[in-house]
Amino acid sequence: MPEPKEPHRKAILALVRGRVQGVGFRYEARSVARSLSILGWITNLPDGGVETYAEGPDVAVDRYVQWLNHGPPGARVDSLDLSERLPKGKHSSFTVE
């Protein structure tokens, strides 16, 4: 029997703008990412935005991006800028920075 194929992996860097600081956005994002087995990080930016790097199976990263489009209750996402990256495999968890 053939070996089961590892799911295709992808990575994204996302910049989220709107009311995304002071509403628990990073900690909810970490919870969502960990539940999807996504590796990477999320951090607040000085201009009030949030930046996140996420790496994992295609389907999981797509679901994380869907969540980023609205965020947690109390957040307001005005824009989401995504850029695809090459998966590096250097993260061992998902962290809030």
N, C-alpha and C. Protein backbone atom coordinates (compact mmCIF):
# COMPACT_ATOMS: atom_id res chain seq x y z
N MET A 1 0.85 -1.19 0.00
CA MET A 1 0.00 0.00 0.00
C MET A 1 0.88 1.23 0.00
N PRO A 2 0.46 2.26 -0.73
CA PRO A 2 1.26 3.49 -0.73
C PRO A 2 1.18 4.19 0.62
N GLU A 3 2.25 4.89 0.93
CA GLU A 3 2.27 5.68 2.17
C GLU A 3 1.23 6.79 2.08
N PRO A 4 0.56 7.11 3.20
CA PRO A 4 -0.37 8.25 3.15
C PRO A 4 0.43 9.53 2.88
N LYS A 5 -0.11 10.35 1.99
CA LYS A 5 0.59 11.58 1.66
C LYS A 5 0.41 12.61 2.77
N GLU A 6 1.48 13.34 3.03
CA GLU A 6 1.38 14.44 3.98
C GLU A 6 0.57 15.54 3.30
N PRO A 7 -0.34 16.20 4.04
CA PRO A 7 -1.13 17.24 3.40
C PRO A 7 -0.22 18.37 2.90
N HIS A 8 -0.65 18.99 1.81
CA HIS A 8 0.10 20.13 1.30
C HIS A 8 0.15 21.21 2.38
N ARG A 9 1.32 21.81 2.51
CA ARG A 9 1.51 22.85 3.51
C ARG A 9 1.64 24.20 2.82
N LYS A 10 1.21 25.22 3.54
CA LYS A 10 1.41 26.56 3.03
C LYS A 10 1.65 27.51 4.18
N ALA A 11 2.10 28.69 3.85
CA ALA A 11 2.36 29.71 4.87
C ALA A 11 1.88 31.05 4.34
N ILE A 12 1.40 31.87 5.28
CA ILE A 12 0.96 33.22 4.91
C ILE A 12 1.49 34.22 5.94
N LEU A 13 1.66 35.45 5.48
CA LEU A 13 1.92 36.58 6.35
C LEU A 13 0.72 37.50 6.16
N ALA A 14 0.07 37.86 7.25
CA ALA A 14 -1.15 38.67 7.15
C ALA A 14 -1.03 39.92 8.00
N LEU A 15 -1.54 41.01 7.46
CA LEU A 15 -1.62 42.28 8.16
C LEU A 15 -3.10 42.61 8.33
N VAL A 16 -3.53 42.71 9.58
CA VAL A 16 -4.95 42.94 9.88
C VAL A 16 -5.08 44.35 10.44
N ARG A 17 -6.01 45.11 9.87
CA ARG A 17 -6.24 46.48 10.34
C ARG A 17 -7.70 46.66 10.74
N GLY A 18 -7.91 47.56 11.69
CA GLY A 18 -9.25 47.84 12.21
C GLY A 18 -9.14 47.97 13.72
N ARG A 19 -10.21 47.61 14.42
CA ARG A 19 -10.16 47.59 15.89
C ARG A 19 -9.72 46.19 16.28
N VAL A 20 -8.39 46.00 16.29
CA VAL A 20 -7.83 44.67 16.51
C VAL A 20 -6.85 44.64 17.69
N GLN A 21 -6.69 45.76 18.38
CA GLN A 21 -5.89 45.77 19.60
C GLN A 21 -6.80 46.11 20.77
N GLY A 22 -6.53 45.49 21.91
CA GLY A 22 -7.35 45.72 23.10
C GLY A 22 -8.65 44.95 23.12
N VAL A 23 -8.79 43.97 22.21
CA VAL A 23 -10.02 43.18 22.14
C VAL A 23 -9.74 41.68 22.25
N GLY A 24 -8.51 41.32 22.64
CA GLY A 24 -8.15 39.91 22.78
C GLY A 24 -7.84 39.21 21.47
N PHE A 25 -7.60 40.00 20.43
CA PHE A 25 -7.40 39.43 19.09
C PHE A 25 -6.25 38.44 19.05
N ARG A 26 -5.09 38.82 19.60
CA ARG A 26 -3.92 37.94 19.51
C ARG A 26 -4.13 36.62 20.25
N TYR A 27 -4.74 36.70 21.43
CA TYR A 27 -4.90 35.49 22.24
C TYR A 27 -5.96 34.56 21.65
N GLU A 28 -7.02 35.14 21.08
CA GLU A 28 -8.01 34.31 20.38
C GLU A 28 -7.39 33.69 19.13
N ALA A 29 -6.58 34.47 18.42
CA ALA A 29 -5.92 33.96 17.21
C ALA A 29 -5.01 32.79 17.58
N ARG A 30 -4.29 32.91 18.69
CA ARG A 30 -3.42 31.82 19.13
C ARG A 30 -4.25 30.56 19.42
N SER A 31 -5.38 30.73 20.08
CA SER A 31 -6.24 29.60 20.41
C SER A 31 -6.76 28.94 19.12
N VAL A 32 -7.21 29.74 18.17
CA VAL A 32 -7.71 29.21 16.90
C VAL A 32 -6.58 28.49 16.17
N ALA A 33 -5.41 29.13 16.08
CA ALA A 33 -4.28 28.54 15.37
C ALA A 33 -3.87 27.21 15.99
N ARG A 34 -3.79 27.17 17.30
CA ARG A 34 -3.39 25.93 17.97
C ARG A 34 -4.42 24.83 17.76
N SER A 35 -5.70 25.19 17.74
CA SER A 35 -6.75 24.18 17.52
C SER A 35 -6.66 23.61 16.10
N LEU A 36 -6.07 24.37 15.18
CA LEU A 36 -5.93 23.93 13.79
C LEU A 36 -4.54 23.35 13.50
N SER A 37 -3.71 23.22 14.54
CA SER A 37 -2.33 22.72 14.40
C SER A 37 -1.49 23.61 13.48
N ILE A 38 -1.70 24.91 13.58
CA ILE A 38 -0.94 25.89 12.82
C ILE A 38 0.22 26.38 13.67
N LEU A 39 1.36 26.58 13.04
CA LEU A 39 2.55 27.09 13.70
C LEU A 39 2.79 28.52 13.23
N GLY A 40 3.41 29.34 14.10
CA GLY A 40 3.73 30.71 13.71
C GLY A 40 3.65 31.66 14.88
N TRP A 41 3.22 32.89 14.59
CA TRP A 41 3.17 33.93 15.63
C TRP A 41 2.19 35.03 15.24
N ILE A 42 1.87 35.87 16.24
CA ILE A 42 1.04 37.05 16.01
C ILE A 42 1.55 38.15 16.92
N THR A 43 1.55 39.38 16.43
CA THR A 43 2.07 40.50 17.21
C THR A 43 1.31 41.79 16.90
N ASN A 44 1.23 42.68 17.90
CA ASN A 44 0.68 44.01 17.69
C ASN A 44 1.71 44.85 16.96
N LEU A 45 1.23 45.77 16.14
CA LEU A 45 2.10 46.72 15.46
C LEU A 45 1.91 48.10 16.07
N PRO A 46 2.94 48.95 16.02
CA PRO A 46 2.83 50.28 16.61
C PRO A 46 1.70 51.13 16.02
N ASP A 47 1.30 50.85 14.77
CA ASP A 47 0.26 51.67 14.13
C ASP A 47 -1.16 51.20 14.45
N GLY A 48 -1.30 50.21 15.35
CA GLY A 48 -2.63 49.74 15.74
C GLY A 48 -3.08 48.49 15.03
N GLY A 49 -2.32 48.03 14.06
CA GLY A 49 -2.65 46.80 13.36
C GLY A 49 -2.07 45.58 14.06
N VAL A 50 -2.33 44.43 13.48
CA VAL A 50 -1.81 43.16 13.97
C VAL A 50 -1.18 42.44 12.78
N GLU A 51 -0.02 41.82 13.01
CA GLU A 51 0.63 41.03 11.97
C GLU A 51 0.74 39.60 12.45
N THR A 52 0.52 38.66 11.55
CA THR A 52 0.59 37.24 11.91
C THR A 52 1.22 36.43 10.80
N TYR A 53 2.02 35.45 11.20
CA TYR A 53 2.59 34.47 10.29
C TYR A 53 2.01 33.13 10.67
N ALA A 54 1.47 32.42 9.69
CA ALA A 54 0.84 31.12 9.96
C ALA A 54 1.30 30.11 8.93
N GLU A 55 1.63 28.91 9.43
CA GLU A 55 2.13 27.84 8.57
C GLU A 55 1.47 26.53 8.99
N GLY A 56 1.02 25.78 8.01
CA GLY A 56 0.40 24.50 8.31
C GLY A 56 -0.26 23.91 7.08
N PRO A 57 -1.07 22.87 7.27
CA PRO A 57 -1.80 22.28 6.15
C PRO A 57 -2.67 23.32 5.46
N ASP A 58 -2.78 23.21 4.13
CA ASP A 58 -3.57 24.18 3.34
C ASP A 58 -4.93 24.49 3.96
N VAL A 59 -5.68 23.44 4.26
CA VAL A 59 -7.05 23.61 4.76
C VAL A 59 -7.05 24.36 6.09
N ALA A 60 -6.10 24.05 6.97
CA ALA A 60 -6.04 24.70 8.28
C ALA A 60 -5.70 26.18 8.12
N VAL A 61 -4.73 26.50 7.28
CA VAL A 61 -4.36 27.91 7.07
C VAL A 61 -5.53 28.67 6.47
N ASP A 62 -6.25 28.06 5.54
CA ASP A 62 -7.42 28.72 4.95
C ASP A 62 -8.48 29.01 6.01
N ARG A 63 -8.68 28.07 6.94
CA ARG A 63 -9.66 28.30 8.00
C ARG A 63 -9.20 29.40 8.95
N TYR A 64 -7.90 29.48 9.22
CA TYR A 64 -7.35 30.56 10.05
C TYR A 64 -7.58 31.91 9.37
N VAL A 65 -7.34 31.97 8.08
CA VAL A 65 -7.56 33.22 7.32
C VAL A 65 -9.03 33.62 7.39
N GLN A 66 -9.95 32.65 7.27
CA GLN A 66 -11.38 32.96 7.40
C GLN A 66 -11.66 33.59 8.76
N TRP A 67 -11.05 33.05 9.82
CA TRP A 67 -11.25 33.61 11.17
C TRP A 67 -10.67 35.03 11.23
N LEU A 68 -9.50 35.25 10.62
CA LEU A 68 -8.88 36.58 10.64
C LEU A 68 -9.78 37.64 10.02
N ASN A 69 -10.63 37.24 9.10
CA ASN A 69 -11.51 38.19 8.43
C ASN A 69 -12.51 38.87 9.38
N HIS A 70 -12.79 38.24 10.53
CA HIS A 70 -13.73 38.87 11.48
C HIS A 70 -13.16 38.96 12.89
N GLY A 71 -12.26 38.05 13.27
CA GLY A 71 -11.65 38.09 14.60
C GLY A 71 -12.63 37.75 15.71
N PRO A 72 -12.24 38.03 16.95
CA PRO A 72 -13.10 37.70 18.09
C PRO A 72 -14.21 38.73 18.28
N PRO A 73 -15.19 38.42 19.14
CA PRO A 73 -16.22 39.41 19.45
C PRO A 73 -15.56 40.70 19.95
N GLY A 74 -16.05 41.83 19.51
CA GLY A 74 -15.48 43.11 19.92
C GLY A 74 -14.48 43.67 18.93
N ALA A 75 -13.98 42.83 18.06
CA ALA A 75 -13.04 43.29 17.03
C ALA A 75 -13.81 43.79 15.82
N ARG A 76 -13.16 44.66 15.05
CA ARG A 76 -13.69 45.09 13.76
C ARG A 76 -12.55 45.04 12.76
N VAL A 77 -12.63 44.15 11.80
CA VAL A 77 -11.58 44.02 10.80
C VAL A 77 -11.95 44.87 9.60
N ASP A 78 -11.14 45.91 9.34
CA ASP A 78 -11.38 46.79 8.19
C ASP A 78 -10.67 46.29 6.95
N SER A 79 -9.48 45.69 7.13
CA SER A 79 -8.76 45.16 5.97
C SER A 79 -7.87 44.01 6.41
N LEU A 80 -7.65 43.11 5.46
CA LEU A 80 -6.78 41.96 5.68
C LEU A 80 -5.91 41.82 4.44
N ASP A 81 -4.62 42.09 4.60
CA ASP A 81 -3.67 41.98 3.49
C ASP A 81 -2.88 40.70 3.68
N LEU A 82 -2.97 39.81 2.70
CA LEU A 82 -2.30 38.52 2.77
C LEU A 82 -1.19 38.43 1.74
N SER A 83 -0.11 37.78 2.14
CA SER A 83 0.91 37.41 1.15
C SER A 83 1.36 35.99 1.46
N GLU A 84 1.46 35.19 0.40
CA GLU A 84 1.89 33.80 0.56
C GLU A 84 3.39 33.77 0.79
N ARG A 85 3.82 32.83 1.62
CA ARG A 85 5.24 32.64 1.91
C ARG A 85 5.57 31.17 1.70
N LEU A 86 6.85 30.88 1.61
CA LEU A 86 7.28 29.48 1.56
C LEU A 86 7.32 28.94 2.98
N PRO A 87 6.70 27.80 3.25
CA PRO A 87 6.77 27.22 4.59
C PRO A 87 8.22 26.95 4.97
N LYS A 88 8.62 27.41 6.15
CA LYS A 88 10.00 27.25 6.59
C LYS A 88 10.19 26.09 7.55
N GLY A 89 9.14 25.73 8.27
CA GLY A 89 9.26 24.63 9.22
C GLY A 89 10.11 24.95 10.43
N LYS A 90 10.29 26.24 10.74
CA LYS A 90 11.17 26.57 11.87
C LYS A 90 10.42 26.87 13.17
N HIS A 91 9.09 26.92 13.11
CA HIS A 91 8.31 27.20 14.32
C HIS A 91 7.84 25.89 14.94
N SER A 92 7.87 25.83 16.28
CA SER A 92 7.45 24.61 16.96
C SER A 92 6.09 24.78 17.64
N SER A 93 5.55 26.01 17.64
CA SER A 93 4.24 26.28 18.24
C SER A 93 3.71 27.56 17.62
N PHE A 94 2.61 28.06 18.18
CA PHE A 94 2.06 29.35 17.75
C PHE A 94 2.13 30.27 18.95
N THR A 95 2.80 31.40 18.81
CA THR A 95 3.07 32.28 19.95
C THR A 95 2.51 33.68 19.75
N VAL A 96 2.22 34.33 20.87
CA VAL A 96 1.88 35.75 20.89
C VAL A 96 3.16 36.50 21.21
N GLU A 97 3.52 37.43 20.36
CA GLU A 97 4.75 38.20 20.57
C GLU A 97 4.44 39.62 21.00
